PDB file of N, CA and C in Angstrom:
ATOM      1  N   MET A   1       0.744  -1.159   0.043  1.00  0.00           N
ATOM      2  CA  MET A   1       0.035   0.053  -0.001  1.00  0.00           C
ATOM      3  C   MET A   1       0.871   1.207   0.018  1.00  0.00           C
ATOM      4  N   ASN A   2       0.670   2.205  -0.968  1.00  0.00           N
ATOM      5  CA  ASN A   2       1.655   3.394  -0.994  1.00  0.00           C
ATOM      6  C   ASN A   2       0.640   4.501  -0.251  1.00  0.00           C
ATOM      7  N   GLN A   3       1.503   5.274   0.304  1.00  0.00           N
ATOM      8  CA  GLN A   3       0.916   6.257   0.975  1.00  0.00           C
ATOM      9  C   GLN A   3       1.498   7.618   0.370  1.00  0.00           C
ATOM     10  N   LYS A   4       0.698   8.773   0.663  1.00  0.00           N
ATOM     11  CA  LYS A   4       1.242   9.922  -0.183  1.00  0.00           C
ATOM     12  C   LYS A   4       2.355  10.613   0.723  1.00  0.00           C
ATOM     13  N   THR A   5       3.329  10.878  -0.084  1.00  0.00           N
ATOM     14  CA  THR A   5       4.837  11.418   0.328  1.00  0.00           C
ATOM     15  C   THR A   5       4.572  13.063   0.556  1.00  0.00           C
ATOM     16  N   PRO A   6       4.705  13.067   1.925  1.00  0.00           N
ATOM     17  CA  PRO A   6       4.700  14.601   2.227  1.00  0.00           C
ATOM     18  C   PRO A   6       6.061  15.324   1.885  1.00  0.00           C
ATOM     19  N   ILE A   7       6.318  15.578   0.597  1.00  0.00           N
ATOM     20  CA  ILE A   7       7.728  16.382   0.275  1.00  0.00           C
ATOM     21  C   ILE A   7       7.191  17.862   0.097  1.00  0.00           C
ATOM     22  N   ASN A   8       7.888  18.582   0.725  1.00  0.00           N
ATOM     23  CA  ASN A   8       7.605  20.131   0.850  1.00  0.00           C
ATOM     24  C   ASN A   8       7.510  20.801  -0.561  1.00  0.00           C
ATOM     25  N   ALA A   9       6.797  21.382  -1.084  1.00  0.00           N
ATOM     26  CA  ALA A   9       6.793  22.111  -2.594  1.00  0.00           C
ATOM     27  C   ALA A   9       8.326  22.882  -2.717  1.00  0.00           C
ATOM     28  N   GLU A  10       8.491  23.714  -1.684  1.00  0.00           N
ATOM     29  CA  GLU A  10       9.700  24.398  -1.748  1.00  0.00           C
ATOM     30  C   GLU A  10      10.850  23.380  -2.015  1.00  0.00           C
ATOM     31  N   LEU A  11      11.022  22.333  -1.007  1.00  0.00           N
ATOM     32  CA  LEU A  11      12.079  21.378  -1.362  1.00  0.00           C
ATOM     33  C   LEU A  11      11.964  20.575  -3.000  1.00  0.00           C
ATOM     34  N   LEU A  12      10.892  20.390  -3.239  1.00  0.00           N
ATOM     35  CA  LEU A  12      10.529  19.708  -4.465  1.00  0.00           C
ATOM     36  C   LEU A  12      11.160  20.648  -5.631  1.00  0.00           C
ATOM     37  N   ASP A  13      11.125  22.007  -5.586  1.00  0.00           N
ATOM     38  CA  ASP A  13      11.595  23.131  -6.433  1.00  0.00           C
ATOM     39  C   ASP A  13      13.253  22.978  -6.562  1.00  0.00           C
ATOM     40  N   LEU A  14      13.573  22.598  -5.502  1.00  0.00           N
ATOM     41  CA  LEU A  14      15.301  22.741  -5.373  1.00  0.00           C
ATOM     42  C   LEU A  14      15.859  21.139  -5.968  1.00  0.00           C
ATOM     43  N   LEU A  15      15.154  20.167  -6.033  1.00  0.00           N
ATOM     44  CA  LEU A  15      15.768  18.824  -6.380  1.00  0.00           C
ATOM     45  C   LEU A  15      15.682  18.556  -7.606  1.00  0.00           C
ATOM     46  N   VAL A  16      16.935  18.147  -8.166  1.00  0.00           N
ATOM     47  CA  VAL A  16      16.787  18.033  -9.560  1.00  0.00           C
ATOM     48  C   VAL A  16      17.421  16.403  -9.774  1.00  0.00           C
ATOM     49  N   CYS A  17      17.343  16.091 -10.925  1.00  0.00           N
ATOM     50  CA  CYS A  17      17.735  14.712 -11.334  1.00  0.00           C
ATOM     51  C   CYS A  17      19.206  14.695 -11.105  1.00  0.00           C
ATOM     52  N   PRO A  18      19.916  13.447 -10.423  1.00  0.00           N
ATOM     53  CA  PRO A  18      21.229  13.572 -10.373  1.00  0.00           C
ATOM     54  C   PRO A  18      21.800  13.083 -11.547  1.00  0.00           C
ATOM     55  N   SER A  19      21.212  12.385 -12.371  1.00  0.00           N
ATOM     56  CA  SER A  19      21.827  12.099 -13.785  1.00  0.00           C
ATOM     57  C   SER A  19      21.842  12.969 -14.939  1.00  0.00           C
ATOM     58  N   CYS A  20      20.735  13.881 -15.162  1.00  0.00           N
ATOM     59  CA  CYS A  20      20.641  14.855 -16.144  1.00  0.00           C
ATOM     60  C   CYS A  20      20.593  16.265 -15.683  1.00  0.00           C
ATOM     61  N   ARG A  21      20.338  16.716 -14.372  1.00  0.00           N
ATOM     62  CA  ARG A  21      20.036  17.677 -13.794  1.00  0.00           C
ATOM     63  C   ARG A  21      18.772  18.536 -14.139  1.00  0.00           C
ATOM     64  N   SER A  22      17.743  17.595 -14.695  1.00  0.00           N
ATOM     65  CA  SER A  22      16.430  18.155 -14.916  1.00  0.00           C
ATOM     66  C   SER A  22      15.568  18.162 -13.742  1.00  0.00           C
ATOM     67  N   GLN A  23      14.460  18.864 -13.716  1.00  0.00           N
ATOM     68  CA  GLN A  23      13.520  19.044 -12.533  1.00  0.00           C
ATOM     69  C   GLN A  23      12.965  17.610 -12.461  1.00  0.00           C
ATOM     70  N   LEU A  24      12.414  17.546 -11.007  1.00  0.00           N
ATOM     71  CA  LEU A  24      11.866  16.093 -10.712  1.00  0.00           C
ATOM     72  C   LEU A  24      10.338  16.464 -10.516  1.00  0.00           C
ATOM     73  N   ALA A  25       9.616  15.670 -10.659  1.00  0.00           N
ATOM     74  CA  ALA A  25       8.033  15.773 -10.476  1.00  0.00           C
ATOM     75  C   ALA A  25       7.776  14.337  -9.371  1.00  0.00           C
ATOM     76  N   LEU A  26       6.927  14.848  -8.530  1.00  0.00           N
ATOM     77  CA  LEU A  26       6.394  13.760  -7.445  1.00  0.00           C
ATOM     78  C   LEU A  26       5.085  12.871  -8.148  1.00  0.00           C
ATOM     79  N   ASP A  27       5.376  11.745  -8.182  1.00  0.00           N
ATOM     80  CA  ASP A  27       4.396  10.724  -8.501  1.00  0.00           C
ATOM     81  C   ASP A  27       3.787  10.100  -7.363  1.00  0.00           C
ATOM     82  N   TYR A  28       2.746  10.610  -6.829  1.00  0.00           N
ATOM     83  CA  TYR A  28       2.079  10.160  -5.411  1.00  0.00           C
ATOM     84  C   TYR A  28       1.748   8.640  -5.666  1.00  0.00           C
ATOM     85  N   GLU A  29       1.252   8.177  -6.876  1.00  0.00           N
ATOM     86  CA  GLU A  29       0.842   6.521  -6.884  1.00  0.00           C
ATOM     87  C   GLU A  29       1.884   5.744  -6.743  1.00  0.00           C
ATOM     88  N   SER A  30       2.820   6.118  -7.459  1.00  0.00           N
ATOM     89  CA  SER A  30       4.239   5.099  -7.220  1.00  0.00           C
ATOM     90  C   SER A  30       5.023   5.473  -6.200  1.00  0.00           C
ATOM     91  N   ASN A  31       4.863   6.554  -5.402  1.00  0.00           N
ATOM     92  CA  ASN A  31       5.669   7.320  -4.336  1.00  0.00           C
ATOM     93  C   ASN A  31       7.109   7.370  -4.934  1.00  0.00           C
ATOM     94  N   GLU A  32       7.385   7.951  -6.086  1.00  0.00           N
ATOM     95  CA  GLU A  32       8.549   8.037  -6.538  1.00  0.00           C
ATOM     96  C   GLU A  32       8.806   9.600  -7.171  1.00  0.00           C
ATOM     97  N   LEU A  33       9.932  10.194  -7.370  1.00  0.00           N
ATOM     98  CA  LEU A  33      10.309  11.537  -7.691  1.00  0.00           C
ATOM     99  C   LEU A  33      10.736  10.944  -9.247  1.00  0.00           C
ATOM    100  N   VAL A  34      10.079  11.632 -10.259  1.00  0.00           N
ATOM    101  CA  VAL A  34      10.338  11.112 -11.731  1.00  0.00           C
ATOM    102  C   VAL A  34      10.833  12.370 -12.430  1.00  0.00           C
ATOM    103  N   CYS A  35      12.154  12.113 -13.126  1.00  0.00           N
ATOM    104  CA  CYS A  35      12.717  13.141 -13.939  1.00  0.00           C
ATOM    105  C   CYS A  35      11.798  13.542 -15.054  1.00  0.00           C
ATOM    106  N   THR A  36      11.659  14.633 -15.338  1.00  0.00           N
ATOM    107  CA  THR A  36      10.696  15.301 -16.112  1.00  0.00           C
ATOM    108  C   THR A  36      11.432  15.476 -17.601  1.00  0.00           C
ATOM    109  N   SER A  37      12.703  15.158 -17.814  1.00  0.00           N
ATOM    110  CA  SER A  37      13.255  14.995 -19.173  1.00  0.00           C
ATOM    111  C   SER A  37      12.950  13.784 -19.827  1.00  0.00           C
ATOM    112  N   ARG A  38      12.693  13.901 -21.035  1.00  0.00           N
ATOM    113  CA  ARG A  38      12.179  12.717 -21.814  1.00  0.00           C
ATOM    114  C   ARG A  38      13.256  11.814 -22.139  1.00  0.00           C
ATOM    115  N   GLY A  39      14.526  12.353 -22.117  1.00  0.00           N
ATOM    116  CA  GLY A  39      15.430  11.571 -22.467  1.00  0.00           C
ATOM    117  C   GLY A  39      16.041  10.643 -21.344  1.00  0.00           C
ATOM    118  N   CYS A  40      15.632  11.049 -20.157  1.00  0.00           N
ATOM    119  CA  CYS A  40      16.189  10.388 -19.050  1.00  0.00           C
ATOM    120  C   CYS A  40      15.135   9.799 -18.439  1.00  0.00           C
ATOM    121  N   ALA A  41      14.249  10.564 -17.780  1.00  0.00           N
ATOM    122  CA  ALA A  41      12.923   9.761 -17.083  1.00  0.00           C
ATOM    123  C   ALA A  41      13.163   8.888 -16.118  1.00  0.00           C
ATOM    124  N   LEU A  42      14.177   8.893 -15.202  1.00  0.00           N
ATOM    125  CA  LEU A  42      14.474   7.928 -14.342  1.00  0.00           C
ATOM    126  C   LEU A  42      13.594   8.299 -13.112  1.00  0.00           C
ATOM    127  N   ALA A  43      13.044   7.221 -12.430  1.00  0.00           N
ATOM    128  CA  ALA A  43      12.324   7.380 -11.084  1.00  0.00           C
ATOM    129  C   ALA A  43      13.016   7.010 -10.102  1.00  0.00           C
ATOM    130  N   TYR A  44      12.980   7.958  -9.036  1.00  0.00           N
ATOM    131  CA  TYR A  44      13.770   7.619  -7.799  1.00  0.00           C
ATOM    132  C   TYR A  44      12.920   7.392  -6.803  1.00  0.00           C
ATOM    133  N   PRO A  45      12.913   6.378  -5.859  1.00  0.00           N
ATOM    134  CA  PRO A  45      12.040   5.770  -4.840  1.00  0.00           C
ATOM    135  C   PRO A  45      12.076   6.871  -3.746  1.00  0.00           C
ATOM    136  N   VAL A  46      10.878   7.019  -3.031  1.00  0.00           N
ATOM    137  CA  VAL A  46      10.973   7.808  -1.930  1.00  0.00           C
ATOM    138  C   VAL A  46      10.584   6.860  -0.592  1.00  0.00           C
ATOM    139  N   LEU A  47      11.498   6.577   0.092  1.00  0.00           N
ATOM    140  CA  LEU A  47      11.526   5.655   1.359  1.00  0.00           C
ATOM    141  C   LEU A  47      11.312   6.295   2.750  1.00  0.00           C
ATOM    142  N   GLU A  48      10.400   5.872   3.317  1.00  0.00           N
ATOM    143  CA  GLU A  48       9.967   6.611   4.566  1.00  0.00           C
ATOM    144  C   GLU A  48      10.248   8.189   4.489  1.00  0.00           C
ATOM    145  N   ASP A  49       9.614   8.680   3.624  1.00  0.00           N
ATOM    146  CA  ASP A  49       9.582  10.111   3.411  1.00  0.00           C
ATOM    147  C   ASP A  49      10.863  10.799   2.808  1.00  0.00           C
ATOM    148  N   VAL A  50      11.711   9.892   2.770  1.00  0.00           N
ATOM    149  CA  VAL A  50      13.191  10.514   2.220  1.00  0.00           C
ATOM    150  C   VAL A  50      13.458   9.968   0.609  1.00  0.00           C
ATOM    151  N   PRO A  51      13.696  11.067  -0.028  1.00  0.00           N
ATOM    152  CA  PRO A  51      13.785  10.749  -1.438  1.00  0.00           C
ATOM    153  C   PRO A  51      15.233   9.901  -1.720  1.00  0.00           C
ATOM    154  N   VAL A  52      15.514   8.937  -2.450  1.00  0.00           N
ATOM    155  CA  VAL A  52      16.540   8.191  -2.503  1.00  0.00           C
ATOM    156  C   VAL A  52      17.213   8.585  -4.140  1.00  0.00           C
ATOM    157  N   LEU A  53      18.206   9.722  -3.943  1.00  0.00           N
ATOM    158  CA  LEU A  53      18.356  10.179  -5.488  1.00  0.00           C
ATOM    159  C   LEU A  53      19.765   9.651  -5.796  1.00  0.00           C
ATOM    160  N   LEU A  54      19.743   8.227  -5.860  1.00  0.00           N
ATOM    161  CA  LEU A  54      21.053   7.628  -6.369  1.00  0.00           C
ATOM    162  C   LEU A  54      20.756   6.933  -7.731  1.00  0.00           C
ATOM    163  N   VAL A  55      21.576   7.324  -8.677  1.00  0.00           N
ATOM    164  CA  VAL A  55      21.162   6.568 -10.022  1.00  0.00           C
ATOM    165  C   VAL A  55      21.012   5.189 -10.053  1.00  0.00           C
ATOM    166  N   ASP A  56      21.922   4.502  -9.327  1.00  0.00           N
ATOM    167  CA  ASP A  56      21.952   3.161  -9.214  1.00  0.00           C
ATOM    168  C   ASP A  56      20.725   2.405  -8.330  1.00  0.00           C
ATOM    169  N   GLU A  57      19.746   3.275  -7.782  1.00  0.00           N
ATOM    170  CA  GLU A  57      18.647   2.884  -7.121  1.00  0.00           C
ATOM    171  C   GLU A  57      17.275   3.300  -7.975  1.00  0.00           C
ATOM    172  N   ALA A  58      17.666   4.114  -8.971  1.00  0.00           N
ATOM    173  CA  ALA A  58      16.418   4.926  -9.822  1.00  0.00           C
ATOM    174  C   ALA A  58      15.980   3.432 -10.744  1.00  0.00           C
ATOM    175  N   ARG A  59      14.689   3.573 -10.890  1.00  0.00           N
ATOM    176  CA  ARG A  59      14.051   2.812 -11.903  1.00  0.00           C
ATOM    177  C   ARG A  59      14.009   3.281 -13.369  1.00  0.00           C
ATOM    178  N   LYS A  60      14.696   2.611 -14.349  1.00  0.00           N
ATOM    179  CA  LYS A  60      14.579   2.973 -15.486  1.00  0.00           C
ATOM    180  C   LYS A  60      12.944   3.214 -16.260  1.00  0.00           C
ATOM    181  N   PRO A  61      13.005   3.964 -17.161  1.00  0.00           N
ATOM    182  CA  PRO A  61      11.371   4.127 -17.805  1.00  0.00           C
ATOM    183  C   PRO A  61      11.344   2.735 -18.615  1.00  0.00           C
ATOM    184  N   LEU A  62       9.980   2.568 -19.002  1.00  0.00           N
ATOM    185  CA  LEU A  62       9.705   1.384 -19.511  1.00  0.00           C
ATOM    186  C   LEU A  62       9.975   1.514 -21.150  1.00  0.00           C
TER     187      LEU A  62
END
């Protein structure tokens, strides 16, 4: 069961994709931060309300 991630909007504005430096968007359903760049589109998990911004831990787009 996924719960909504309480990431502050101001913090979300500061976070960027570690791989390509594009903006990240919060996907509430999958509890992930998703890169907004079409070329990258990596999805980073949010575990216990903490974003895991490690490229090795990111899910690659389908």
